[in-house]
């Protein structure tokens, strides 16, 4: 299992979002490992994307999006749920991929404790759920996923998802974004039960 490198993330965001499907999100905490295969993502592409935080310009909250590819951008929604994003593309072209859902692989019993549920398909089937299951919070914001000592990273297990297994759809909850609300920038694995919304 190889960690993804800077060159993987320093590409067009929509391509990164699609190619993250089938990769594995890994969280190491002391002697415990939680992992899951990424099954759903959303691309947020540059300052012109009205669904992106970057469309409002650089702020203390979103400035990591303007930095180098391969850094985590973690933020709160509804004052409670964390969302996990990975910065993409060139510096000063603010873009990121939101990891919306994963299929649990390792550490499922710990996920159940963190989520206070034993229903497998409800553990990580949404951005807030997966952050809760993995114990991801804003302490990881602005940290690199590329460092060999990083506790949270994305790995390649050699699985390539065929194009006919990837579905494209509108992003969730971006009705405010003008014409950008209709862009097909959400990508998910066809027939996967851990996808948050079909």
N, C-alpha and C. Protein backbone atom coordinates (compact mmCIF):
# COMPACT_ATOMS: atom_id res chain seq x y z
N UNK A 1 0.85 -1.19 0.00
CA UNK A 1 0.00 0.00 0.00
C UNK A 1 0.89 1.24 0.00
N UNK A 2 0.85 2.01 -1.09
CA UNK A 2 1.71 3.19 -1.24
C UNK A 2 0.93 4.46 -0.96
N UNK A 3 1.54 5.37 -0.21
CA UNK A 3 0.93 6.68 -0.01
C UNK A 3 0.93 7.45 -1.33
N UNK A 4 -0.16 8.17 -1.57
CA UNK A 4 -0.20 9.03 -2.75
C UNK A 4 0.76 10.19 -2.57
N UNK A 5 1.31 10.67 -3.67
CA UNK A 5 2.33 11.72 -3.64
C UNK A 5 1.78 13.05 -4.15
N UNK A 6 2.61 14.09 -4.05
CA UNK A 6 2.22 15.43 -4.48
C UNK A 6 1.76 15.45 -5.94
N UNK A 7 2.43 14.69 -6.79
CA UNK A 7 2.09 14.70 -8.21
C UNK A 7 0.68 14.19 -8.48
N UNK A 8 0.17 13.32 -7.63
CA UNK A 8 -1.20 12.83 -7.79
C UNK A 8 -2.20 13.97 -7.58
N UNK A 9 -1.99 14.76 -6.54
CA UNK A 9 -2.94 15.81 -6.18
C UNK A 9 -2.76 17.09 -7.00
N UNK A 10 -1.56 17.29 -7.56
CA UNK A 10 -1.27 18.52 -8.30
C UNK A 10 -1.71 18.40 -9.76
N UNK A 11 -2.99 18.06 -9.94
CA UNK A 11 -3.59 17.89 -11.26
C UNK A 11 -5.00 18.48 -11.25
N UNK A 12 -5.67 18.40 -12.39
CA UNK A 12 -7.04 18.90 -12.49
C UNK A 12 -7.91 18.25 -11.41
N UNK A 13 -8.68 19.08 -10.73
CA UNK A 13 -9.42 18.62 -9.56
C UNK A 13 -10.45 17.55 -9.89
N UNK A 14 -11.17 17.72 -11.00
CA UNK A 14 -12.18 16.72 -11.36
C UNK A 14 -11.54 15.36 -11.64
N UNK A 15 -10.36 15.37 -12.23
CA UNK A 15 -9.64 14.12 -12.48
C UNK A 15 -9.19 13.48 -11.17
N UNK A 16 -8.65 14.29 -10.27
CA UNK A 16 -8.24 13.78 -8.96
C UNK A 16 -9.44 13.18 -8.23
N UNK A 17 -10.57 13.89 -8.27
CA UNK A 17 -11.78 13.42 -7.58
C UNK A 17 -12.21 12.05 -8.09
N UNK A 18 -12.13 11.85 -9.40
CA UNK A 18 -12.51 10.55 -9.97
C UNK A 18 -11.49 9.47 -9.62
N UNK A 19 -10.21 9.82 -9.69
CA UNK A 19 -9.18 8.81 -9.46
C UNK A 19 -8.97 8.50 -7.98
N UNK A 20 -9.56 9.30 -7.10
CA UNK A 20 -9.54 8.96 -5.67
C UNK A 20 -10.47 7.79 -5.36
N UNK A 21 -11.46 7.57 -6.22
CA UNK A 21 -12.37 6.44 -6.00
C UNK A 21 -11.57 5.13 -6.07
N UNK A 22 -11.72 4.31 -5.06
CA UNK A 22 -10.97 3.07 -4.97
C UNK A 22 -9.69 3.18 -4.16
N UNK A 23 -9.24 4.43 -3.91
CA UNK A 23 -8.08 4.63 -3.04
C UNK A 23 -8.53 4.47 -1.58
N UNK A 24 -7.57 4.34 -0.67
CA UNK A 24 -7.91 4.03 0.72
C UNK A 24 -7.50 5.18 1.65
N UNK A 25 -8.46 5.68 2.40
CA UNK A 25 -8.21 6.67 3.44
C UNK A 25 -7.78 5.92 4.70
N UNK A 26 -6.61 6.30 5.23
CA UNK A 26 -6.03 5.59 6.38
C UNK A 26 -5.75 6.57 7.51
N UNK A 27 -6.21 6.22 8.71
CA UNK A 27 -5.95 7.02 9.91
C UNK A 27 -5.24 6.14 10.93
N UNK A 28 -4.02 6.55 11.30
CA UNK A 28 -3.25 5.81 12.31
C UNK A 28 -3.26 6.59 13.60
N UNK A 29 -3.71 5.93 14.67
CA UNK A 29 -3.77 6.57 15.99
C UNK A 29 -3.14 5.61 17.00
N UNK A 30 -1.89 5.92 17.38
CA UNK A 30 -1.13 5.04 18.26
C UNK A 30 -1.04 3.66 17.61
N UNK A 31 -1.59 2.64 18.23
CA UNK A 31 -1.48 1.30 17.65
C UNK A 31 -2.76 0.89 16.92
N UNK A 32 -3.66 1.85 16.69
CA UNK A 32 -4.92 1.55 16.03
C UNK A 32 -4.93 2.11 14.61
N UNK A 33 -5.54 1.37 13.70
CA UNK A 33 -5.69 1.83 12.32
C UNK A 33 -7.16 1.77 11.94
N UNK A 34 -7.63 2.87 11.37
CA UNK A 34 -8.97 2.92 10.77
C UNK A 34 -8.76 3.19 9.29
N UNK A 35 -9.45 2.45 8.44
CA UNK A 35 -9.31 2.70 7.01
C UNK A 35 -10.61 2.42 6.28
N UNK A 36 -10.73 3.03 5.11
CA UNK A 36 -11.90 2.81 4.28
C UNK A 36 -11.60 3.16 2.83
N UNK A 37 -12.22 2.44 1.93
CA UNK A 37 -12.07 2.72 0.50
C UNK A 37 -12.96 3.89 0.11
N UNK A 38 -12.38 4.86 -0.56
CA UNK A 38 -13.13 6.05 -0.97
C UNK A 38 -14.13 5.67 -2.07
N UNK A 39 -15.41 6.00 -1.84
CA UNK A 39 -16.46 5.62 -2.79
C UNK A 39 -17.24 6.81 -3.32
N UNK A 40 -17.00 8.01 -2.76
CA UNK A 40 -17.74 9.19 -3.22
C UNK A 40 -16.92 10.45 -2.94
N UNK A 41 -16.83 11.32 -3.95
CA UNK A 41 -16.07 12.56 -3.83
C UNK A 41 -16.82 13.70 -4.52
N UNK A 42 -16.41 14.92 -4.22
CA UNK A 42 -16.88 16.10 -4.95
C UNK A 42 -15.69 17.00 -5.26
N UNK A 43 -15.67 17.57 -6.47
CA UNK A 43 -14.61 18.49 -6.88
C UNK A 43 -15.07 19.94 -6.72
N UNK A 44 -14.18 20.78 -6.19
CA UNK A 44 -14.41 22.22 -6.06
C UNK A 44 -13.25 22.91 -6.76
N UNK A 45 -13.58 23.62 -7.86
CA UNK A 45 -12.58 23.94 -8.89
C UNK A 45 -12.35 25.44 -9.03
N UNK A 46 -11.38 25.96 -8.32
CA UNK A 46 -10.93 27.33 -8.54
C UNK A 46 -11.86 28.40 -8.01
N UNK A 47 -11.43 29.67 -8.10
CA UNK A 47 -12.20 30.77 -7.53
C UNK A 47 -13.50 31.06 -8.28
N UNK A 48 -13.61 30.59 -9.52
CA UNK A 48 -14.82 30.83 -10.31
C UNK A 48 -15.96 29.89 -9.93
N UNK A 49 -15.66 28.83 -9.20
CA UNK A 49 -16.67 27.84 -8.79
C UNK A 49 -17.47 28.43 -7.63
N UNK A 50 -18.70 28.84 -7.91
CA UNK A 50 -19.51 29.53 -6.90
C UNK A 50 -19.95 28.62 -5.76
N UNK A 51 -19.75 27.32 -5.90
CA UNK A 51 -20.04 26.39 -4.80
C UNK A 51 -18.86 26.27 -3.84
N UNK A 52 -17.72 26.82 -4.23
CA UNK A 52 -16.49 26.67 -3.44
C UNK A 52 -16.32 27.80 -2.45
N UNK A 53 -15.76 27.49 -1.29
CA UNK A 53 -15.42 28.53 -0.32
C UNK A 53 -14.47 29.56 -0.93
N UNK A 54 -13.65 29.14 -1.89
CA UNK A 54 -12.65 30.04 -2.49
C UNK A 54 -13.28 31.12 -3.37
N UNK A 55 -14.54 30.95 -3.75
CA UNK A 55 -15.19 31.95 -4.61
C UNK A 55 -15.37 33.28 -3.89
N UNK A 56 -15.28 33.27 -2.57
CA UNK A 56 -15.45 34.50 -1.78
C UNK A 56 -14.11 35.17 -1.49
N UNK A 57 -13.03 34.65 -2.09
CA UNK A 57 -11.70 35.19 -1.85
C UNK A 57 -11.02 34.49 -0.68
N UNK A 58 -9.77 34.84 -0.47
CA UNK A 58 -8.98 34.20 0.58
C UNK A 58 -9.39 34.73 1.95
N UNK A 59 -9.63 33.82 2.88
CA UNK A 59 -9.98 34.16 4.26
C UNK A 59 -9.14 33.29 5.19
N UNK A 60 -9.11 33.63 6.48
CA UNK A 60 -8.38 32.74 7.41
C UNK A 60 -8.89 31.30 7.37
N UNK A 61 -10.19 31.14 7.11
CA UNK A 61 -10.77 29.79 7.09
C UNK A 61 -10.29 28.98 5.90
N UNK A 62 -10.26 29.61 4.71
CA UNK A 62 -10.01 28.82 3.49
C UNK A 62 -8.62 29.00 2.89
N UNK A 63 -7.72 29.72 3.58
CA UNK A 63 -6.44 30.05 2.95
C UNK A 63 -5.62 28.82 2.57
N UNK A 64 -5.84 27.70 3.24
CA UNK A 64 -5.11 26.49 2.88
C UNK A 64 -5.41 26.05 1.45
N UNK A 65 -6.61 26.38 0.95
CA UNK A 65 -6.97 26.03 -0.43
C UNK A 65 -6.09 26.73 -1.45
N UNK A 66 -5.49 27.85 -1.06
CA UNK A 66 -4.63 28.63 -1.96
C UNK A 66 -3.18 28.14 -1.92
N UNK A 67 -2.92 27.13 -1.12
CA UNK A 67 -1.56 26.64 -0.94
C UNK A 67 -1.25 25.43 -1.81
N UNK A 68 -0.26 24.68 -1.39
CA UNK A 68 0.20 23.52 -2.16
C UNK A 68 -0.79 22.37 -2.11
N UNK A 69 -0.78 21.58 -3.17
CA UNK A 69 -1.61 20.37 -3.22
C UNK A 69 -1.13 19.36 -2.18
N UNK A 70 -2.08 18.57 -1.68
CA UNK A 70 -1.74 17.51 -0.74
C UNK A 70 -1.91 17.86 0.72
N UNK A 71 -2.58 18.99 0.98
CA UNK A 71 -2.84 19.40 2.37
C UNK A 71 -4.32 19.20 2.69
N UNK A 72 -4.58 18.86 3.94
CA UNK A 72 -5.96 18.68 4.39
C UNK A 72 -6.62 20.03 4.66
N UNK A 73 -7.87 20.13 4.24
CA UNK A 73 -8.72 21.27 4.56
C UNK A 73 -9.93 20.70 5.30
N UNK A 74 -9.99 20.95 6.59
CA UNK A 74 -11.08 20.43 7.44
C UNK A 74 -11.87 21.60 7.98
N UNK A 75 -13.18 21.56 7.80
CA UNK A 75 -14.01 22.66 8.30
C UNK A 75 -15.32 22.10 8.86
N UNK A 76 -15.97 22.92 9.64
CA UNK A 76 -17.25 22.55 10.26
C UNK A 76 -18.42 23.01 9.42
N UNK A 77 -19.47 22.18 9.36
CA UNK A 77 -20.75 22.62 8.82
C UNK A 77 -21.81 22.45 9.90
N UNK A 78 -22.79 23.33 9.87
CA UNK A 78 -23.87 23.33 10.87
C UNK A 78 -23.32 23.42 12.29
N UNK A 79 -22.08 23.89 12.42
CA UNK A 79 -21.49 24.07 13.74
C UNK A 79 -21.16 22.78 14.47
N UNK A 80 -21.26 21.66 13.76
CA UNK A 80 -21.08 20.37 14.44
C UNK A 80 -20.31 19.34 13.62
N UNK A 81 -20.62 19.21 12.33
CA UNK A 81 -20.05 18.14 11.50
C UNK A 81 -18.78 18.62 10.79
N UNK A 82 -17.72 17.83 10.90
CA UNK A 82 -16.50 18.12 10.16
C UNK A 82 -16.59 17.56 8.75
N UNK A 83 -15.94 18.26 7.81
CA UNK A 83 -15.83 17.80 6.43
C UNK A 83 -14.35 17.74 6.06
N UNK A 84 -13.96 16.66 5.39
CA UNK A 84 -12.56 16.42 5.04
C UNK A 84 -12.34 16.66 3.55
N UNK A 85 -11.42 17.58 3.25
CA UNK A 85 -11.06 17.90 1.87
C UNK A 85 -9.56 17.78 1.70
N UNK A 86 -9.13 17.51 0.47
CA UNK A 86 -7.71 17.49 0.14
C UNK A 86 -7.46 18.54 -0.94
N UNK A 87 -6.48 19.40 -0.72
CA UNK A 87 -6.18 20.49 -1.66
C UNK A 87 -5.54 19.92 -2.93
N UNK A 88 -5.93 20.49 -4.07
CA UNK A 88 -5.46 20.02 -5.38
C UNK A 88 -4.93 21.19 -6.21
N UNK A 89 -4.37 20.85 -7.35
CA UNK A 89 -3.90 21.79 -8.38
C UNK A 89 -2.75 22.67 -7.89
N UNK A 90 -2.42 23.68 -8.72
CA UNK A 90 -1.27 24.54 -8.45
C UNK A 90 -1.55 25.51 -7.32
N UNK A 91 -0.48 25.93 -6.66
CA UNK A 91 -0.58 26.96 -5.63
C UNK A 91 -1.23 28.20 -6.22
N UNK A 92 -2.07 28.86 -5.41
CA UNK A 92 -2.80 30.08 -5.79
C UNK A 92 -3.93 29.83 -6.79
N UNK A 93 -4.24 28.56 -7.09
CA UNK A 93 -5.46 28.24 -7.82
C UNK A 93 -6.29 27.38 -6.88
N UNK A 94 -7.08 28.02 -6.01
CA UNK A 94 -7.70 27.32 -4.88
C UNK A 94 -8.72 26.27 -5.31
N UNK A 95 -8.38 25.03 -5.05
CA UNK A 95 -9.22 23.90 -5.44
C UNK A 95 -9.06 22.78 -4.41
N UNK A 96 -10.07 21.93 -4.33
CA UNK A 96 -10.01 20.83 -3.37
C UNK A 96 -11.03 19.76 -3.74
N UNK A 97 -10.81 18.57 -3.21
CA UNK A 97 -11.76 17.47 -3.33
C UNK A 97 -12.32 17.17 -1.94
N UNK A 98 -13.64 17.17 -1.84
CA UNK A 98 -14.33 16.75 -0.63
C UNK A 98 -14.49 15.23 -0.67
N UNK A 99 -14.04 14.56 0.37
CA UNK A 99 -14.25 13.12 0.48
C UNK A 99 -15.59 12.91 1.17
N UNK A 100 -16.57 12.45 0.41
CA UNK A 100 -17.94 12.37 0.92
C UNK A 100 -18.26 11.05 1.61
N UNK A 101 -17.68 9.96 1.14
CA UNK A 101 -18.03 8.66 1.75
C UNK A 101 -16.94 7.64 1.47
N UNK A 102 -16.80 6.71 2.42
CA UNK A 102 -15.87 5.59 2.25
C UNK A 102 -16.57 4.29 2.65
N UNK A 103 -16.04 3.19 2.15
CA UNK A 103 -16.50 1.86 2.57
C UNK A 103 -15.55 1.34 3.63
N UNK A 104 -16.03 1.08 4.86
CA UNK A 104 -15.13 0.67 5.95
C UNK A 104 -14.33 -0.58 5.62
N UNK A 105 -13.04 -0.54 5.99
CA UNK A 105 -12.16 -1.70 5.80
C UNK A 105 -11.58 -2.18 7.12
N UNK A 106 -10.86 -1.31 7.82
CA UNK A 106 -10.21 -1.68 9.09
C UNK A 106 -10.73 -0.79 10.21
N UNK A 107 -10.69 -1.33 11.43
CA UNK A 107 -11.08 -0.54 12.60
C UNK A 107 -12.57 -0.32 12.73
N UNK A 108 -13.34 -1.26 12.23
CA UNK A 108 -14.80 -1.07 12.21
C UNK A 108 -15.36 -0.98 13.63
N UNK A 109 -14.83 -1.75 14.57
CA UNK A 109 -15.34 -1.68 15.95
C UNK A 109 -15.09 -0.30 16.56
N UNK A 110 -13.96 0.31 16.22
CA UNK A 110 -13.67 1.66 16.71
C UNK A 110 -14.58 2.69 16.03
N UNK A 111 -14.86 2.48 14.75
CA UNK A 111 -15.82 3.35 14.06
C UNK A 111 -17.18 3.29 14.74
N UNK A 112 -17.59 2.09 15.12
CA UNK A 112 -18.90 1.92 15.78
C UNK A 112 -18.95 2.68 17.10
N UNK A 113 -17.86 2.66 17.84
CA UNK A 113 -17.79 3.41 19.10
C UNK A 113 -17.88 4.91 18.81
N UNK A 114 -17.09 5.37 17.84
CA UNK A 114 -17.07 6.79 17.51
C UNK A 114 -18.42 7.29 16.99
N UNK A 115 -19.11 6.43 16.24
CA UNK A 115 -20.39 6.82 15.64
C UNK A 115 -21.59 6.46 16.52
N UNK A 116 -21.36 5.66 17.56
CA UNK A 116 -22.45 5.22 18.44
C UNK A 116 -23.55 4.48 17.66
N UNK A 117 -23.12 3.66 16.73
CA UNK A 117 -24.04 2.82 15.98
C UNK A 117 -23.29 1.58 15.50
N UNK A 118 -24.03 0.48 15.34
CA UNK A 118 -23.42 -0.74 14.81
C UNK A 118 -23.93 -1.04 13.40
N UNK A 119 -24.72 -0.12 12.85
CA UNK A 119 -25.24 -0.32 11.49
C UNK A 119 -24.13 0.01 10.49
N UNK A 120 -23.59 -1.01 9.86
CA UNK A 120 -22.40 -0.87 9.02
C UNK A 120 -22.57 0.20 7.95
N UNK A 121 -23.68 0.18 7.24
CA UNK A 121 -23.85 1.10 6.12
C UNK A 121 -24.10 2.53 6.55
N UNK A 122 -24.27 2.75 7.84
CA UNK A 122 -24.48 4.11 8.35
C UNK A 122 -23.20 4.69 8.97
N UNK A 123 -22.12 3.93 8.98
CA UNK A 123 -20.91 4.38 9.67
C UNK A 123 -20.21 5.52 8.95
N UNK A 124 -20.09 5.42 7.63
CA UNK A 124 -19.22 6.34 6.88
C UNK A 124 -19.87 6.84 5.59
N UNK A 125 -21.20 6.79 5.52
CA UNK A 125 -21.91 7.12 4.28
C UNK A 125 -22.31 8.59 4.22
N UNK A 126 -21.33 9.45 4.39
CA UNK A 126 -21.54 10.90 4.34
C UNK A 126 -20.33 11.60 4.91
N UNK A 127 -20.09 12.86 4.53
CA UNK A 127 -18.86 13.54 4.96
C UNK A 127 -18.74 13.72 6.47
N UNK A 128 -19.85 14.08 7.13
CA UNK A 128 -19.81 14.22 8.58
C UNK A 128 -19.67 12.88 9.28
N UNK A 129 -20.35 11.87 8.76
CA UNK A 129 -20.28 10.53 9.34
C UNK A 129 -18.86 9.96 9.28
N UNK A 130 -18.22 10.11 8.11
CA UNK A 130 -16.89 9.50 7.99
C UNK A 130 -15.89 10.21 8.90
N UNK A 131 -16.03 11.54 9.05
CA UNK A 131 -15.12 12.26 9.96
C UNK A 131 -15.33 11.81 11.39
N UNK A 132 -16.59 11.62 11.77
CA UNK A 132 -16.88 11.15 13.12
C UNK A 132 -16.34 9.74 13.33
N UNK A 133 -16.54 8.87 12.35
CA UNK A 133 -16.08 7.48 12.45
C UNK A 133 -14.56 7.39 12.56
N UNK A 134 -13.86 8.24 11.82
CA UNK A 134 -12.39 8.22 11.80
C UNK A 134 -11.78 9.07 12.91
N UNK A 135 -12.60 9.84 13.63
CA UNK A 135 -12.06 10.74 14.65
C UNK A 135 -11.36 11.95 14.06
N UNK A 136 -11.80 12.38 12.87
CA UNK A 136 -11.19 13.51 12.18
C UNK A 136 -11.83 14.81 12.66
N UNK A 137 -10.99 15.77 13.06
CA UNK A 137 -11.50 17.09 13.44
C UNK A 137 -10.55 18.16 12.94
N UNK A 138 -10.79 19.41 13.37
CA UNK A 138 -10.04 20.54 12.82
C UNK A 138 -8.57 20.56 13.23
N UNK A 139 -8.18 19.68 14.14
CA UNK A 139 -6.75 19.59 14.47
C UNK A 139 -5.93 19.16 13.25
N UNK A 140 -6.56 18.49 12.30
CA UNK A 140 -5.87 18.04 11.09
C UNK A 140 -5.86 19.09 9.99
N UNK A 141 -6.61 20.17 10.18
CA UNK A 141 -6.67 21.23 9.17
C UNK A 141 -5.27 21.79 8.91
N UNK A 142 -4.95 21.97 7.64
CA UNK A 142 -3.68 22.57 7.19
C UNK A 142 -2.47 21.64 7.35
N UNK A 143 -2.68 20.39 7.74
CA UNK A 143 -1.57 19.44 7.80
C UNK A 143 -1.41 18.73 6.46
N UNK A 144 -0.19 18.32 6.16
CA UNK A 144 0.07 17.62 4.91
C UNK A 144 -0.28 16.15 5.03
N UNK A 145 -0.88 15.60 3.98
CA UNK A 145 -1.11 14.15 3.96
C UNK A 145 0.07 13.43 3.32
N UNK A 146 1.09 14.20 2.91
CA UNK A 146 2.22 13.64 2.17
C UNK A 146 3.38 13.22 3.06
N UNK A 147 3.45 13.80 4.27
CA UNK A 147 4.54 13.47 5.18
C UNK A 147 4.50 12.00 5.56
N UNK A 148 5.66 11.37 5.63
CA UNK A 148 5.69 9.94 5.97
C UNK A 148 5.19 9.68 7.38
N UNK A 149 5.20 10.73 8.23
CA UNK A 149 4.72 10.59 9.61
C UNK A 149 3.27 11.02 9.78
N UNK A 150 2.63 11.42 8.68
CA UNK A 150 1.25 11.90 8.77
C UNK A 150 0.33 10.78 9.27
N UNK A 151 -0.50 11.11 10.26
CA UNK A 151 -1.42 10.12 10.83
C UNK A 151 -2.60 9.84 9.91
N UNK A 152 -2.89 10.78 9.01
CA UNK A 152 -4.02 10.63 8.09
C UNK A 152 -3.48 10.78 6.67
N UNK A 153 -3.68 9.76 5.86
CA UNK A 153 -3.17 9.81 4.49
C UNK A 153 -4.05 8.97 3.58
N UNK A 154 -3.77 9.07 2.28
CA UNK A 154 -4.50 8.29 1.28
C UNK A 154 -3.52 7.36 0.59
N UNK A 155 -3.91 6.11 0.45
CA UNK A 155 -3.01 5.09 -0.11
C UNK A 155 -3.60 4.48 -1.38
N UNK A 156 -2.69 4.03 -2.22
CA UNK A 156 -3.05 3.33 -3.45
C UNK A 156 -2.78 1.84 -3.24
N UNK A 157 -3.82 1.05 -3.38
CA UNK A 157 -3.66 -0.40 -3.22
C UNK A 157 -3.56 -1.11 -4.57
N UNK A 158 -3.49 -0.33 -5.63
CA UNK A 158 -3.37 -0.92 -6.97
C UNK A 158 -4.70 -1.17 -7.65
N UNK A 159 -5.80 -0.79 -7.00
CA UNK A 159 -7.12 -0.96 -7.60
C UNK A 159 -7.39 0.20 -8.55
N UNK A 160 -7.78 -0.11 -9.78
CA UNK A 160 -8.22 0.92 -10.73
C UNK A 160 -9.70 0.69 -11.01
N UNK A 161 -10.48 1.73 -10.81
CA UNK A 161 -11.92 1.62 -11.02
C UNK A 161 -12.23 1.86 -12.50
N UNK A 162 -12.89 0.93 -13.18
CA UNK A 162 -13.26 1.14 -14.58
C UNK A 162 -14.22 2.33 -14.71
N UNK A 163 -14.10 3.05 -15.83
CA UNK A 163 -14.93 4.26 -16.02
C UNK A 163 -16.41 3.95 -15.98
N UNK A 164 -16.79 2.75 -16.43
CA UNK A 164 -18.22 2.42 -16.45
C UNK A 164 -18.78 2.11 -15.07
N UNK A 165 -17.90 2.10 -14.05
CA UNK A 165 -18.35 1.90 -12.67
C UNK A 165 -18.45 3.22 -11.90
N UNK A 166 -18.10 4.33 -12.57
CA UNK A 166 -18.14 5.65 -11.93
C UNK A 166 -19.34 6.43 -12.43
N UNK A 167 -20.14 6.92 -11.49
CA UNK A 167 -21.30 7.76 -11.82
C UNK A 167 -20.96 9.21 -11.54
N UNK A 168 -21.47 10.11 -12.39
CA UNK A 168 -21.31 11.55 -12.20
C UNK A 168 -22.67 12.15 -11.85
N UNK A 169 -22.65 13.13 -10.95
CA UNK A 169 -23.91 13.74 -10.52
C UNK A 169 -23.64 15.17 -10.06
N UNK A 170 -24.72 15.90 -9.80
CA UNK A 170 -24.59 17.24 -9.22
C UNK A 170 -24.12 17.11 -7.77
N UNK A 171 -23.41 18.13 -7.32
CA UNK A 171 -22.96 18.15 -5.93
C UNK A 171 -24.14 18.38 -4.99
N UNK A 172 -23.96 17.98 -3.76
CA UNK A 172 -25.04 18.03 -2.77
C UNK A 172 -25.02 19.36 -2.02
N UNK A 173 -26.20 19.99 -1.88
CA UNK A 173 -26.33 21.17 -1.03
C UNK A 173 -25.71 22.44 -1.56
N UNK A 174 -25.66 22.60 -2.89
CA UNK A 174 -25.05 23.81 -3.46
C UNK A 174 -26.03 24.57 -4.35
N UNK A 175 -27.29 24.61 -3.96
CA UNK A 175 -28.31 25.29 -4.76
C UNK A 175 -28.06 26.79 -4.90
N UNK A 176 -27.24 27.35 -4.03
CA UNK A 176 -26.93 28.78 -4.04
C UNK A 176 -25.92 29.15 -5.13
N UNK A 177 -25.34 28.18 -5.82
CA UNK A 177 -24.13 28.40 -6.63
C UNK A 177 -24.38 28.74 -8.09
N UNK A 178 -25.57 29.29 -8.41
CA UNK A 178 -25.85 29.69 -9.79
C UNK A 178 -25.70 28.52 -10.75
N UNK A 179 -25.08 28.78 -11.91
CA UNK A 179 -24.92 27.71 -12.90
C UNK A 179 -24.02 26.58 -12.40
N UNK A 180 -23.21 26.87 -11.38
CA UNK A 180 -22.30 25.85 -10.85
C UNK A 180 -23.04 24.75 -10.09
N UNK A 181 -24.27 25.02 -9.68
CA UNK A 181 -25.02 23.98 -8.96
C UNK A 181 -25.35 22.80 -9.86
N UNK A 182 -25.35 23.03 -11.17
CA UNK A 182 -25.71 21.97 -12.11
C UNK A 182 -24.52 21.22 -12.68
N UNK A 183 -23.31 21.63 -12.30
CA UNK A 183 -22.12 20.94 -12.80
C UNK A 183 -22.04 19.52 -12.22
N UNK A 184 -21.68 18.58 -13.06
CA UNK A 184 -21.58 17.18 -12.63
C UNK A 184 -20.19 16.93 -12.05
N UNK A 185 -20.01 17.39 -10.83
CA UNK A 185 -18.70 17.33 -10.17
C UNK A 185 -18.71 16.46 -8.91
N UNK A 186 -19.76 15.65 -8.78
CA UNK A 186 -19.77 14.62 -7.73
C UNK A 186 -19.57 13.28 -8.43
N UNK A 187 -18.71 12.47 -7.86
CA UNK A 187 -18.36 11.19 -8.46
C UNK A 187 -18.53 10.08 -7.42
N UNK A 188 -19.14 8.98 -7.83
CA UNK A 188 -19.31 7.89 -6.87
C UNK A 188 -19.32 6.54 -7.57
N UNK A 189 -19.07 5.51 -6.78
CA UNK A 189 -19.04 4.15 -7.30
C UNK A 189 -20.46 3.64 -7.49
N UNK A 190 -20.72 3.17 -8.68
CA UNK A 190 -22.03 2.62 -9.02
C UNK A 190 -22.32 1.41 -8.14
N UNK A 191 -23.55 1.36 -7.63
CA UNK A 191 -24.05 0.22 -6.85
C UNK A 191 -23.31 -0.01 -5.53
N UNK A 192 -22.64 1.03 -5.02
CA UNK A 192 -21.98 0.88 -3.72
C UNK A 192 -22.92 1.36 -2.62
N UNK A 193 -23.13 0.55 -1.61
CA UNK A 193 -24.14 0.85 -0.58
C UNK A 193 -23.68 1.91 0.42
N UNK A 194 -22.42 2.35 0.34
CA UNK A 194 -21.92 3.36 1.28
C UNK A 194 -21.95 4.77 0.70
N UNK A 195 -22.39 4.92 -0.54
CA UNK A 195 -22.54 6.24 -1.14
C UNK A 195 -23.64 6.99 -0.40
N UNK A 196 -23.42 8.28 -0.14
CA UNK A 196 -24.36 9.04 0.69
C UNK A 196 -25.67 9.35 -0.02
N UNK A 197 -25.59 9.57 -1.32
CA UNK A 197 -26.78 9.94 -2.08
C UNK A 197 -26.60 9.47 -3.51
N UNK A 198 -27.59 8.72 -4.01
CA UNK A 198 -27.49 8.19 -5.38
C UNK A 198 -28.10 9.17 -6.37
